[in-house]
Amino acid sequence: MGLDPSLQWLQATSIATAIRENEILFPWIESLHVLAIVLVVGTISIVDLRLIGVASLDRPVNRLMGDVLPYTWGAFVVAATTGSLLFSSDAMTYAHNSYFLAKMVLLGLAGINMTAFHLFIGRDIERWNAQTQPPLAAKAAGAVSLGLWISVVACGRWIGFTIH
């Protein structure tokens, strides 16, 4: 049983019902969600590719991060909000979908990777900031991040093909 009563309550709320039953509300929210994810993954990819050492090599890492991460966070707020609204419309189904669960785990791992980067590798960023080839730990964090975000997108797409 566990969370099922809470999930049933959530999908019975008036907002969830409106999203589920309105012909245009779900598609509009989903479109905003996809656009926000594109911005999140796109801006994170810019930073990750710089960390890996294959793009934007003429720009210091901290300047690049300062330029794009505000857009990342803004888009992430929109993606989380719209994703929560979509989830509420059929919470029981989503919560028991393996691709949805995988997506949530991967999002958590991406957050842990980002936190570890900022706590450990990023503390010393001034030393290697302008180098075209960052240290191996920074490259690894960028590669892991890129792989996790690609996997988040893939799982997100599979959710739509596995919910009937």
C-alpha atoms as a PDB file:
ATOM      1  CA  MET A   1       0.000   0.000   0.000  1.00  0.00           C
ATOM      2  CA  GLY A   2       2.484   2.702   1.112  1.00  0.00           C
ATOM      3  CA  LEU A   3       2.050   5.851  -0.947  1.00  0.00           C
ATOM      4  CA  ASP A   4      -0.970   4.742  -2.937  1.00  0.00           C
ATOM      5  CA  PRO A   5      -3.587   6.566  -0.804  1.00  0.00           C
ATOM      6  CA  SER A   6      -1.594   9.806  -1.144  1.00  0.00           C
ATOM      7  CA  LEU A   7      -1.221   9.274  -4.883  1.00  0.00           C
ATOM      8  CA  GLN A   8      -4.958   8.623  -5.243  1.00  0.00           C
ATOM      9  CA  TRP A   9      -5.703  11.797  -3.266  1.00  0.00           C
ATOM     10  CA  LEU A  10      -3.303  13.804  -5.468  1.00  0.00           C
ATOM     11  CA  GLN A  11      -4.820  12.658  -8.738  1.00  0.00           C
ATOM     12  CA  ALA A  12      -8.322  13.345  -7.385  1.00  0.00           C
ATOM     13  CA  THR A  13      -7.564  17.021  -6.708  1.00  0.00           C
ATOM     14  CA  SER A  14      -9.362  19.571  -8.835  1.00  0.00           C
ATOM     15  CA  ILE A  15      -6.139  20.677 -10.538  1.00  0.00           C
ATOM     16  CA  ALA A  16      -5.172  17.110 -11.459  1.00  0.00           C
ATOM     17  CA  THR A  17      -8.676  16.374 -12.688  1.00  0.00           C
ATOM     18  CA  ALA A  18      -8.716  19.528 -14.819  1.00  0.00           C
ATOM     19  CA  ILE A  19      -5.372  18.624 -16.396  1.00  0.00           C
ATOM     20  CA  ARG A  20      -6.485  15.070 -17.071  1.00  0.00           C
ATOM     21  CA  GLU A  21      -9.939  15.872 -18.434  1.00  0.00           C
ATOM     22  CA  ASN A  22      -9.293  19.072 -20.396  1.00  0.00           C
ATOM     23  CA  GLU A  23      -8.410  18.424 -24.041  1.00  0.00           C
ATOM     24  CA  ILE A  24      -5.799  21.172 -24.308  1.00  0.00           C
ATOM     25  CA  LEU A  25      -4.438  21.627 -20.770  1.00  0.00           C
ATOM     26  CA  PHE A  26      -2.269  18.493 -20.654  1.00  0.00           C
ATOM     27  CA  PRO A  27      -0.681  19.091 -24.097  1.00  0.00           C
ATOM     28  CA  TRP A  28       0.127  22.722 -23.247  1.00  0.00           C
ATOM     29  CA  ILE A  29       1.690  21.809 -19.915  1.00  0.00           C
ATOM     30  CA  GLU A  30       3.602  18.970 -21.567  1.00  0.00           C
ATOM     31  CA  SER A  31       4.877  21.329 -24.275  1.00  0.00           C
ATOM     32  CA  LEU A  32       6.142  23.768 -21.646  1.00  0.00           C
ATOM     33  CA  HIS A  33       7.740  20.843 -19.805  1.00  0.00           C
ATOM     34  CA  VAL A  34       9.569  19.679 -22.926  1.00  0.00           C
ATOM     35  CA  LEU A  35      10.763  23.204 -23.758  1.00  0.00           C
ATOM     36  CA  ALA A  36      12.035  23.672 -20.212  1.00  0.00           C
ATOM     37  CA  ILE A  37      13.851  20.324 -20.321  1.00  0.00           C
ATOM     38  CA  VAL A  38      15.473  21.357 -23.603  1.00  0.00           C
ATOM     39  CA  LEU A  39      16.794  24.496 -21.899  1.00  0.00           C
ATOM     40  CA  VAL A  40      17.934  22.587 -18.814  1.00  0.00           C
ATOM     41  CA  VAL A  41      19.765  19.900 -20.753  1.00  0.00           C
ATOM     42  CA  GLY A  42      21.056  22.319 -23.381  1.00  0.00           C
ATOM     43  CA  THR A  43      22.601  24.718 -20.887  1.00  0.00           C
ATOM     44  CA  ILE A  44      23.995  21.925 -18.737  1.00  0.00           C
ATOM     45  CA  SER A  45      25.467  20.346 -21.863  1.00  0.00           C
ATOM     46  CA  ILE A  46      27.290  23.592 -22.670  1.00  0.00           C
ATOM     47  CA  VAL A  47      28.989  23.448 -19.257  1.00  0.00           C
ATOM     48  CA  ASP A  48      29.588  19.692 -19.433  1.00  0.00           C
ATOM     49  CA  LEU A  49      31.207  19.906 -22.859  1.00  0.00           C
ATOM     50  CA  ARG A  50      33.489  22.656 -21.532  1.00  0.00           C
ATOM     51  CA  LEU A  51      34.380  20.509 -18.525  1.00  0.00           C
ATOM     52  CA  ILE A  52      35.110  17.549 -20.783  1.00  0.00           C
ATOM     53  CA  GLY A  53      37.368  19.829 -22.810  1.00  0.00           C
ATOM     54  CA  VAL A  54      35.690  19.635 -26.211  1.00  0.00           C
ATOM     55  CA  ALA A  55      33.797  22.957 -26.552  1.00  0.00           C
ATOM     56  CA  SER A  56      34.037  26.624 -25.528  1.00  0.00           C
ATOM     57  CA  LEU A  57      37.735  26.148 -24.782  1.00  0.00           C
ATOM     58  CA  ASP A  58      38.368  29.868 -25.166  1.00  0.00           C
ATOM     59  CA  ARG A  59      36.088  30.665 -22.208  1.00  0.00           C
ATOM     60  CA  PRO A  60      36.975  30.228 -18.527  1.00  0.00           C
ATOM     61  CA  VAL A  61      34.793  27.600 -16.876  1.00  0.00           C
ATOM     62  CA  ASN A  62      33.502  29.832 -14.086  1.00  0.00           C
ATOM     63  CA  ARG A  63      32.524  32.574 -16.552  1.00  0.00           C
ATOM     64  CA  LEU A  64      30.710  30.073 -18.768  1.00  0.00           C
ATOM     65  CA  MET A  65      28.903  28.652 -15.736  1.00  0.00           C
ATOM     66  CA  GLY A  66      27.987  32.161 -14.589  1.00  0.00           C
ATOM     67  CA  ASP A  67      26.562  32.936 -18.017  1.00  0.00           C
ATOM     68  CA  VAL A  68      24.407  29.827 -18.509  1.00  0.00           C
ATOM     69  CA  LEU A  69      23.490  28.430 -15.082  1.00  0.00           C
ATOM     70  CA  PRO A  70      20.921  31.138 -14.252  1.00  0.00           C
ATOM     71  CA  TYR A  71      19.006  29.978 -17.344  1.00  0.00           C
ATOM     72  CA  THR A  72      19.452  26.379 -16.226  1.00  0.00           C
ATOM     73  CA  TRP A  73      17.930  27.060 -12.820  1.00  0.00           C
ATOM     74  CA  GLY A  74      15.048  29.107 -14.234  1.00  0.00           C
ATOM     75  CA  ALA A  75      14.246  26.377 -16.742  1.00  0.00           C
ATOM     76  CA  PHE A  76      14.600  23.715 -14.034  1.00  0.00           C
ATOM     77  CA  VAL A  77      11.955  25.469 -11.911  1.00  0.00           C
ATOM     78  CA  VAL A  78       9.593  25.499 -14.903  1.00  0.00           C
ATOM     79  CA  ALA A  79      10.373  21.828 -15.701  1.00  0.00           C
ATOM     80  CA  ALA A  80       9.828  20.747 -12.087  1.00  0.00           C
ATOM     81  CA  THR A  81       6.573  22.692 -11.832  1.00  0.00           C
ATOM     82  CA  THR A  82       5.145  21.431 -15.117  1.00  0.00           C
ATOM     83  CA  GLY A  83       6.400  17.917 -14.420  1.00  0.00           C
ATOM     84  CA  SER A  84       4.650  17.946 -11.051  1.00  0.00           C
ATOM     85  CA  LEU A  85       1.420  19.080 -12.687  1.00  0.00           C
ATOM     86  CA  LEU A  86       1.667  16.314 -15.301  1.00  0.00           C
ATOM     87  CA  PHE A  87       2.435  13.753 -12.588  1.00  0.00           C
ATOM     88  CA  SER A  88      -0.593  14.829 -10.566  1.00  0.00           C
ATOM     89  CA  SER A  89      -2.923  14.120 -13.489  1.00  0.00           C
ATOM     90  CA  ASP A  90      -2.275  10.360 -13.233  1.00  0.00           C
ATOM     91  CA  ALA A  91      -0.117   9.932 -10.142  1.00  0.00           C
ATOM     92  CA  MET A  92      -0.902   6.255  -9.581  1.00  0.00           C
ATOM     93  CA  THR A  93       0.146   5.281 -13.090  1.00  0.00           C
ATOM     94  CA  TYR A  94       3.292   7.420 -13.155  1.00  0.00           C
ATOM     95  CA  ALA A  95       4.435   6.329  -9.709  1.00  0.00           C
ATOM     96  CA  HIS A  96       4.348   2.689 -10.791  1.00  0.00           C
ATOM     97  CA  ASN A  97       5.999   3.209 -14.186  1.00  0.00           C
ATOM     98  CA  SER A  98       9.582   1.892 -14.257  1.00  0.00           C
ATOM     99  CA  TYR A  99      10.771   4.601 -16.672  1.00  0.00           C
ATOM    100  CA  PHE A 100       9.321   7.349 -14.481  1.00  0.00           C
ATOM    101  CA  LEU A 101      11.011   5.840 -11.430  1.00  0.00           C
ATOM    102  CA  ALA A 102      14.290   5.540 -13.344  1.00  0.00           C
ATOM    103  CA  LYS A 103      13.986   9.182 -14.420  1.00  0.00           C
ATOM    104  CA  MET A 104      13.548  10.282 -10.805  1.00  0.00           C
ATOM    105  CA  VAL A 105      16.577   8.227  -9.679  1.00  0.00           C
ATOM    106  CA  LEU A 106      18.663   9.661 -12.524  1.00  0.00           C
ATOM    107  CA  LEU A 107      17.592  13.211 -11.599  1.00  0.00           C
ATOM    108  CA  GLY A 108      18.710  12.509  -8.041  1.00  0.00           C
ATOM    109  CA  LEU A 109      22.045  11.175  -9.252  1.00  0.00           C
ATOM    110  CA  ALA A 110      22.506  14.257 -11.457  1.00  0.00           C
ATOM    111  CA  GLY A 111      21.890  16.408  -8.392  1.00  0.00           C
ATOM    112  CA  ILE A 112      24.426  14.429  -6.366  1.00  0.00           C
ATOM    113  CA  ASN A 113      26.974  14.720  -9.193  1.00  0.00           C
ATOM    114  CA  MET A 114      26.428  18.498  -9.381  1.00  0.00           C
ATOM    115  CA  THR A 115      26.713  18.861  -5.608  1.00  0.00           C
ATOM    116  CA  ALA A 116      29.901  16.787  -5.503  1.00  0.00           C
ATOM    117  CA  PHE A 117      31.377  18.886  -8.314  1.00  0.00           C
ATOM    118  CA  HIS A 118      30.670  22.162  -6.510  1.00  0.00           C
ATOM    119  CA  LEU A 119      31.773  20.882  -3.086  1.00  0.00           C
ATOM    120  CA  PHE A 120      34.983  19.176  -4.142  1.00  0.00           C
ATOM    121  CA  ILE A 121      36.176  19.804  -7.701  1.00  0.00           C
ATOM    122  CA  GLY A 122      34.765  23.315  -8.061  1.00  0.00           C
ATOM    123  CA  ARG A 123      36.409  24.541  -4.851  1.00  0.00           C
ATOM    124  CA  ASP A 124      39.719  24.632  -6.737  1.00  0.00           C
ATOM    125  CA  ILE A 125      38.270  26.066  -9.960  1.00  0.00           C
ATOM    126  CA  GLU A 126      40.411  29.230  -9.916  1.00  0.00           C
ATOM    127  CA  ARG A 127      43.529  27.071 -10.353  1.00  0.00           C
ATOM    128  CA  TRP A 128      42.342  25.333 -13.537  1.00  0.00           C
ATOM    129  CA  ASN A 129      39.544  27.639 -14.674  1.00  0.00           C
ATOM    130  CA  ALA A 130      41.201  29.006 -17.835  1.00  0.00           C
ATOM    131  CA  GLN A 131      42.986  25.811 -18.888  1.00  0.00           C
ATOM    132  CA  THR A 132      41.643  24.282 -22.092  1.00  0.00           C
ATOM    133  CA  GLN A 133      41.845  20.847 -20.503  1.00  0.00           C
ATOM    134  CA  PRO A 134      40.386  20.756 -16.975  1.00  0.00           C
ATOM    135  CA  PRO A 135      41.596  18.188 -14.433  1.00  0.00           C
ATOM    136  CA  LEU A 136      40.464  14.585 -14.805  1.00  0.00           C
ATOM    137  CA  ALA A 137      37.959  14.908 -11.935  1.00  0.00           C
ATOM    138  CA  ALA A 138      36.245  17.837 -13.693  1.00  0.00           C
ATOM    139  CA  LYS A 139      36.188  15.920 -16.969  1.00  0.00           C
ATOM    140  CA  ALA A 140      34.685  12.918 -15.191  1.00  0.00           C
ATOM    141  CA  ALA A 141      32.008  15.083 -13.521  1.00  0.00           C
ATOM    142  CA  GLY A 142      31.123  16.609 -16.898  1.00  0.00           C
ATOM    143  CA  ALA A 143      30.965  13.222 -18.621  1.00  0.00           C
ATOM    144  CA  VAL A 144      28.842  11.707 -15.850  1.00  0.00           C
ATOM    145  CA  SER A 145      26.515  14.722 -15.916  1.00  0.00           C
ATOM    146  CA  LEU A 146      26.119  14.536 -19.680  1.00  0.00           C
ATOM    147  CA  GLY A 147      25.360  10.811 -19.520  1.00  0.00           C
ATOM    148  CA  LEU A 148      22.867  11.250 -16.693  1.00  0.00           C
ATOM    149  CA  TRP A 149      20.970  14.048 -18.452  1.00  0.00           C
ATOM    150  CA  ILE A 150      20.820  12.114 -21.719  1.00  0.00           C
ATOM    151  CA  SER A 151      19.422   9.188 -19.723  1.00  0.00           C
ATOM    152  CA  VAL A 152      16.873  11.460 -17.993  1.00  0.00           C
ATOM    153  CA  VAL A 153      15.616  12.601 -21.409  1.00  0.00           C
ATOM    154  CA  ALA A 154      15.499   9.025 -22.747  1.00  0.00           C
ATOM    155  CA  CYS A 155      13.525   7.784 -19.745  1.00  0.00           C
ATOM    156  CA  GLY A 156      11.193  10.773 -20.032  1.00  0.00           C
ATOM    157  CA  ARG A 157      10.429   9.887 -23.636  1.00  0.00           C
ATOM    158  CA  TRP A 158       9.871   6.217 -22.768  1.00  0.00           C
ATOM    159  CA  ILE A 159       7.331   7.194 -20.120  1.00  0.00           C
ATOM    160  CA  GLY A 160       5.022   8.454 -22.854  1.00  0.00           C
ATOM    161  CA  PHE A 161       5.322   5.225 -24.806  1.00  0.00           C
ATOM    162  CA  THR A 162       4.658   2.942 -21.826  1.00  0.00           C
ATOM    163  CA  ILE A 163       1.646   4.619 -20.208  1.00  0.00           C
ATOM    164  CA  HIS A 164      -1.669   3.580 -21.724  1.00  0.00           C
END
